[in-house]
Amino acid sequence: MIRAVVDTNVLFEGLTKQGSCGAVVDAWKEERFVPCVSTALALEYEATLTNKLGASKRRFAVGALSALLNRVEFIPIVYRVRPMSPDPDDDFVIECAFNANASIVTRNVKDLRIAESALGVDVLKPSEFLVRLEE
């Protein structure tokens, strides 16, 4: 089964809008891949949802996040690879993917390509990831 780290931007978009990010979140709910999450990444997910949403949407999103986190493989960070990205928050995603031997699913492909070239971590757009799930 495919192992993947879902970037915060995909999770946020998937819980608040439709489209390919929503389909990635649906695939997570349906257990069609193994979502890999570190403690730091789970905290980033929660902080982003809490800080960017109004009260009514926040309750729904944080509740959905809690349900999603019950369907993950928690990854201990054994090897640190920082700093890797121009955005320090991306380092949570990169470290998790590297330690989990998993792909990264992101809308921010440009900033995460460094992980692909330096560490051999696959970086996929949500639409590319969905195609891979169907193969």
C-alpha atoms as a PDB file:
ATOM      1  CA  MET A   1       0.000   0.000   0.000  1.00  0.00           C
ATOM      2  CA  ILE A   2       1.222   3.517  -0.790  1.00  0.00           C
ATOM      3  CA  ARG A   3       2.700   5.465   2.119  1.00  0.00           C
ATOM      4  CA  ALA A   4       2.263   9.239   2.028  1.00  0.00           C
ATOM      5  CA  VAL A   5       2.714  12.363   4.090  1.00  0.00           C
ATOM      6  CA  VAL A   6      -0.050  14.850   3.346  1.00  0.00           C
ATOM      7  CA  ASP A   7       1.187  18.428   3.510  1.00  0.00           C
ATOM      8  CA  THR A   8      -0.785  20.845   5.667  1.00  0.00           C
ATOM      9  CA  ASN A   9      -1.914  22.837   2.619  1.00  0.00           C
ATOM     10  CA  VAL A  10      -3.566  19.742   1.121  1.00  0.00           C
ATOM     11  CA  LEU A  11      -5.262  18.787   4.399  1.00  0.00           C
ATOM     12  CA  PHE A  12      -6.552  22.334   4.935  1.00  0.00           C
ATOM     13  CA  GLU A  13      -7.856  22.637   1.391  1.00  0.00           C
ATOM     14  CA  GLY A  14      -9.280  19.122   1.521  1.00  0.00           C
ATOM     15  CA  LEU A  15     -11.281  19.839   4.667  1.00  0.00           C
ATOM     16  CA  THR A  16     -12.544  23.241   3.536  1.00  0.00           C
ATOM     17  CA  LYS A  17     -13.052  22.849  -0.243  1.00  0.00           C
ATOM     18  CA  GLN A  18     -13.580  20.183  -2.864  1.00  0.00           C
ATOM     19  CA  GLY A  19     -11.352  19.216  -5.768  1.00  0.00           C
ATOM     20  CA  SER A  20      -8.274  17.019  -5.767  1.00  0.00           C
ATOM     21  CA  CYS A  21      -7.345  17.929  -2.178  1.00  0.00           C
ATOM     22  CA  GLY A  22     -10.799  16.856  -1.028  1.00  0.00           C
ATOM     23  CA  ALA A  23     -10.336  13.584  -2.916  1.00  0.00           C
ATOM     24  CA  VAL A  24      -7.021  13.003  -1.094  1.00  0.00           C
ATOM     25  CA  VAL A  25      -8.768  13.516   2.262  1.00  0.00           C
ATOM     26  CA  ASP A  26     -11.547  11.155   1.134  1.00  0.00           C
ATOM     27  CA  ALA A  27      -8.927   8.527   0.206  1.00  0.00           C
ATOM     28  CA  TRP A  28      -7.425   8.991   3.693  1.00  0.00           C
ATOM     29  CA  LYS A  29     -10.854   8.405   5.285  1.00  0.00           C
ATOM     30  CA  GLU A  30     -11.356   5.330   3.093  1.00  0.00           C
ATOM     31  CA  GLU A  31      -7.920   3.966   4.116  1.00  0.00           C
ATOM     32  CA  ARG A  32      -6.758   3.717   0.494  1.00  0.00           C
ATOM     33  CA  PHE A  33      -3.197   4.650   1.512  1.00  0.00           C
ATOM     34  CA  VAL A  34      -1.102   4.721   4.676  1.00  0.00           C
ATOM     35  CA  PRO A  35      -0.998   8.313   5.935  1.00  0.00           C
ATOM     36  CA  CYS A  36       2.221   8.925   7.861  1.00  0.00           C
ATOM     37  CA  VAL A  37       2.261  11.681  10.482  1.00  0.00           C
ATOM     38  CA  SER A  38       4.810  12.790  13.065  1.00  0.00           C
ATOM     39  CA  THR A  39       3.825  14.479  16.309  1.00  0.00           C
ATOM     40  CA  ALA A  40       5.181  17.817  15.038  1.00  0.00           C
ATOM     41  CA  LEU A  41       3.167  17.529  11.828  1.00  0.00           C
ATOM     42  CA  ALA A  42      -0.036  16.643  13.719  1.00  0.00           C
ATOM     43  CA  LEU A  43       0.456  19.749  15.859  1.00  0.00           C
ATOM     44  CA  GLU A  44       1.024  21.844  12.725  1.00  0.00           C
ATOM     45  CA  TYR A  45      -2.205  20.479  11.226  1.00  0.00           C
ATOM     46  CA  GLU A  46      -4.131  21.465  14.349  1.00  0.00           C
ATOM     47  CA  ALA A  47      -2.528  24.919  14.637  1.00  0.00           C
ATOM     48  CA  THR A  48      -3.273  25.727  10.988  1.00  0.00           C
ATOM     49  CA  LEU A  49      -6.911  24.682  11.242  1.00  0.00           C
ATOM     50  CA  THR A  50      -7.335  26.528  14.531  1.00  0.00           C
ATOM     51  CA  ASN A  51      -5.714  29.753  13.341  1.00  0.00           C
ATOM     52  CA  LYS A  52      -7.196  30.004   9.844  1.00  0.00           C
ATOM     53  CA  LEU A  53     -10.845  29.075  10.360  1.00  0.00           C
ATOM     54  CA  GLY A  54     -13.801  30.748  12.030  1.00  0.00           C
ATOM     55  CA  ALA A  55     -15.435  29.141  15.053  1.00  0.00           C
ATOM     56  CA  SER A  56     -18.066  27.012  13.271  1.00  0.00           C
ATOM     57  CA  LYS A  57     -15.730  25.704  10.540  1.00  0.00           C
ATOM     58  CA  ARG A  58     -12.967  25.226  13.112  1.00  0.00           C
ATOM     59  CA  ARG A  59     -15.109  22.841  15.193  1.00  0.00           C
ATOM     60  CA  PHE A  60     -15.897  20.730  12.129  1.00  0.00           C
ATOM     61  CA  ALA A  61     -12.294  20.726  10.849  1.00  0.00           C
ATOM     62  CA  VAL A  62     -10.692  19.911  14.208  1.00  0.00           C
ATOM     63  CA  GLY A  63     -13.233  17.125  14.727  1.00  0.00           C
ATOM     64  CA  ALA A  64     -12.468  15.745  11.266  1.00  0.00           C
ATOM     65  CA  LEU A  65      -8.737  16.002  11.979  1.00  0.00           C
ATOM     66  CA  SER A  66      -9.178  14.004  15.163  1.00  0.00           C
ATOM     67  CA  ALA A  67     -10.948  11.247  13.211  1.00  0.00           C
ATOM     68  CA  LEU A  68      -8.257  11.295  10.509  1.00  0.00           C
ATOM     69  CA  LEU A  69      -5.459  11.045  13.082  1.00  0.00           C
ATOM     70  CA  ASN A  70      -7.011   7.798  14.308  1.00  0.00           C
ATOM     71  CA  ARG A  71      -6.134   6.376  10.867  1.00  0.00           C
ATOM     72  CA  VAL A  72      -2.434   7.178  10.630  1.00  0.00           C
ATOM     73  CA  GLU A  73       0.890   5.580  11.241  1.00  0.00           C
ATOM     74  CA  PHE A  74       2.697   7.827  13.702  1.00  0.00           C
ATOM     75  CA  ILE A  75       6.307   8.225  12.648  1.00  0.00           C
ATOM     76  CA  PRO A  76       9.114   8.803  15.140  1.00  0.00           C
ATOM     77  CA  ILE A  77      11.688  11.248  13.836  1.00  0.00           C
ATOM     78  CA  VAL A  78      14.953   9.356  14.094  1.00  0.00           C
ATOM     79  CA  TYR A  79      16.912  11.242  11.434  1.00  0.00           C
ATOM     80  CA  ARG A  80      16.787  15.039  11.313  1.00  0.00           C
ATOM     81  CA  VAL A  81      17.313  16.659   7.939  1.00  0.00           C
ATOM     82  CA  ARG A  82      16.969  20.344   8.831  1.00  0.00           C
ATOM     83  CA  PRO A  83      17.204  22.877   7.444  1.00  0.00           C
ATOM     84  CA  MET A  84      16.063  21.590   4.091  1.00  0.00           C
ATOM     85  CA  SER A  85      13.396  23.999   2.820  1.00  0.00           C
ATOM     86  CA  PRO A  86      13.184  27.777   2.602  1.00  0.00           C
ATOM     87  CA  ASP A  87      10.003  27.439   4.719  1.00  0.00           C
ATOM     88  CA  PRO A  88      10.832  25.914   8.140  1.00  0.00           C
ATOM     89  CA  ASP A  89       7.298  24.465   8.385  1.00  0.00           C
ATOM     90  CA  ASP A  90       8.025  22.352   5.309  1.00  0.00           C
ATOM     91  CA  ASP A  91      10.820  20.663   7.244  1.00  0.00           C
ATOM     92  CA  PHE A  92       8.191  18.848   9.379  1.00  0.00           C
ATOM     93  CA  VAL A  93       6.772  17.310   6.214  1.00  0.00           C
ATOM     94  CA  ILE A  94      10.177  16.457   4.747  1.00  0.00           C
ATOM     95  CA  GLU A  95      11.447  14.845   7.957  1.00  0.00           C
ATOM     96  CA  CYS A  96       8.294  12.813   8.358  1.00  0.00           C
ATOM     97  CA  ALA A  97       8.403  11.574   4.753  1.00  0.00           C
ATOM     98  CA  PHE A  98      12.111  10.751   4.949  1.00  0.00           C
ATOM     99  CA  ASN A  99      11.727   8.816   8.214  1.00  0.00           C
ATOM    100  CA  ALA A 100       8.587   7.035   6.961  1.00  0.00           C
ATOM    101  CA  ASN A 101       9.992   6.192   3.520  1.00  0.00           C
ATOM    102  CA  ALA A 102       6.881   7.848   2.110  1.00  0.00           C
ATOM    103  CA  SER A 103       5.876  10.234  -0.664  1.00  0.00           C
ATOM    104  CA  ILE A 104       4.864  13.830  -0.004  1.00  0.00           C
ATOM    105  CA  VAL A 105       1.499  15.063  -1.287  1.00  0.00           C
ATOM    106  CA  THR A 106       1.530  18.851  -1.582  1.00  0.00           C
ATOM    107  CA  ARG A 107       0.253  21.831  -3.521  1.00  0.00           C
ATOM    108  CA  ASN A 108       3.630  23.486  -2.803  1.00  0.00           C
ATOM    109  CA  VAL A 109       5.746  21.344  -5.102  1.00  0.00           C
ATOM    110  CA  LYS A 110       8.323  24.058  -5.783  1.00  0.00           C
ATOM    111  CA  ASP A 111       9.564  24.397  -2.190  1.00  0.00           C
ATOM    112  CA  LEU A 112       9.598  20.646  -1.577  1.00  0.00           C
ATOM    113  CA  ARG A 113      11.479  19.603  -4.722  1.00  0.00           C
ATOM    114  CA  ILE A 114      14.695  20.040  -2.731  1.00  0.00           C
ATOM    115  CA  ALA A 115      13.703  16.969  -0.688  1.00  0.00           C
ATOM    116  CA  GLU A 116      13.219  15.049  -3.905  1.00  0.00           C
ATOM    117  CA  SER A 117      16.653  15.885  -5.265  1.00  0.00           C
ATOM    118  CA  ALA A 118      18.589  15.740  -1.981  1.00  0.00           C
ATOM    119  CA  LEU A 119      16.863  12.808  -0.250  1.00  0.00           C
ATOM    120  CA  GLY A 120      15.065  10.898  -2.991  1.00  0.00           C
ATOM    121  CA  VAL A 121      11.618  11.587  -1.500  1.00  0.00           C
ATOM    122  CA  ASP A 122       8.790  11.563  -4.078  1.00  0.00           C
ATOM    123  CA  VAL A 123       6.924  14.876  -4.202  1.00  0.00           C
ATOM    124  CA  LEU A 124       3.489  14.699  -5.807  1.00  0.00           C
ATOM    125  CA  LYS A 125       0.680  17.130  -6.516  1.00  0.00           C
ATOM    126  CA  PRO A 126      -2.701  15.896  -5.217  1.00  0.00           C
ATOM    127  CA  SER A 127      -3.833  15.043  -8.763  1.00  0.00           C
ATOM    128  CA  GLU A 128      -0.656  13.013  -9.389  1.00  0.00           C
ATOM    129  CA  PHE A 129      -1.111  11.190  -6.090  1.00  0.00           C
ATOM    130  CA  LEU A 130      -4.704  10.298  -6.971  1.00  0.00           C
ATOM    131  CA  VAL A 131      -3.542   8.818 -10.289  1.00  0.00           C
ATOM    132  CA  ARG A 132      -0.957   6.757  -8.453  1.00  0.00           C
ATOM    133  CA  LEU A 133      -3.651   5.470  -6.071  1.00  0.00           C
ATOM    134  CA  GLU A 134      -5.657   4.232  -9.044  1.00  0.00           C
ATOM    135  CA  GLU A 135      -2.717   2.332 -10.580  1.00  0.00           C
END
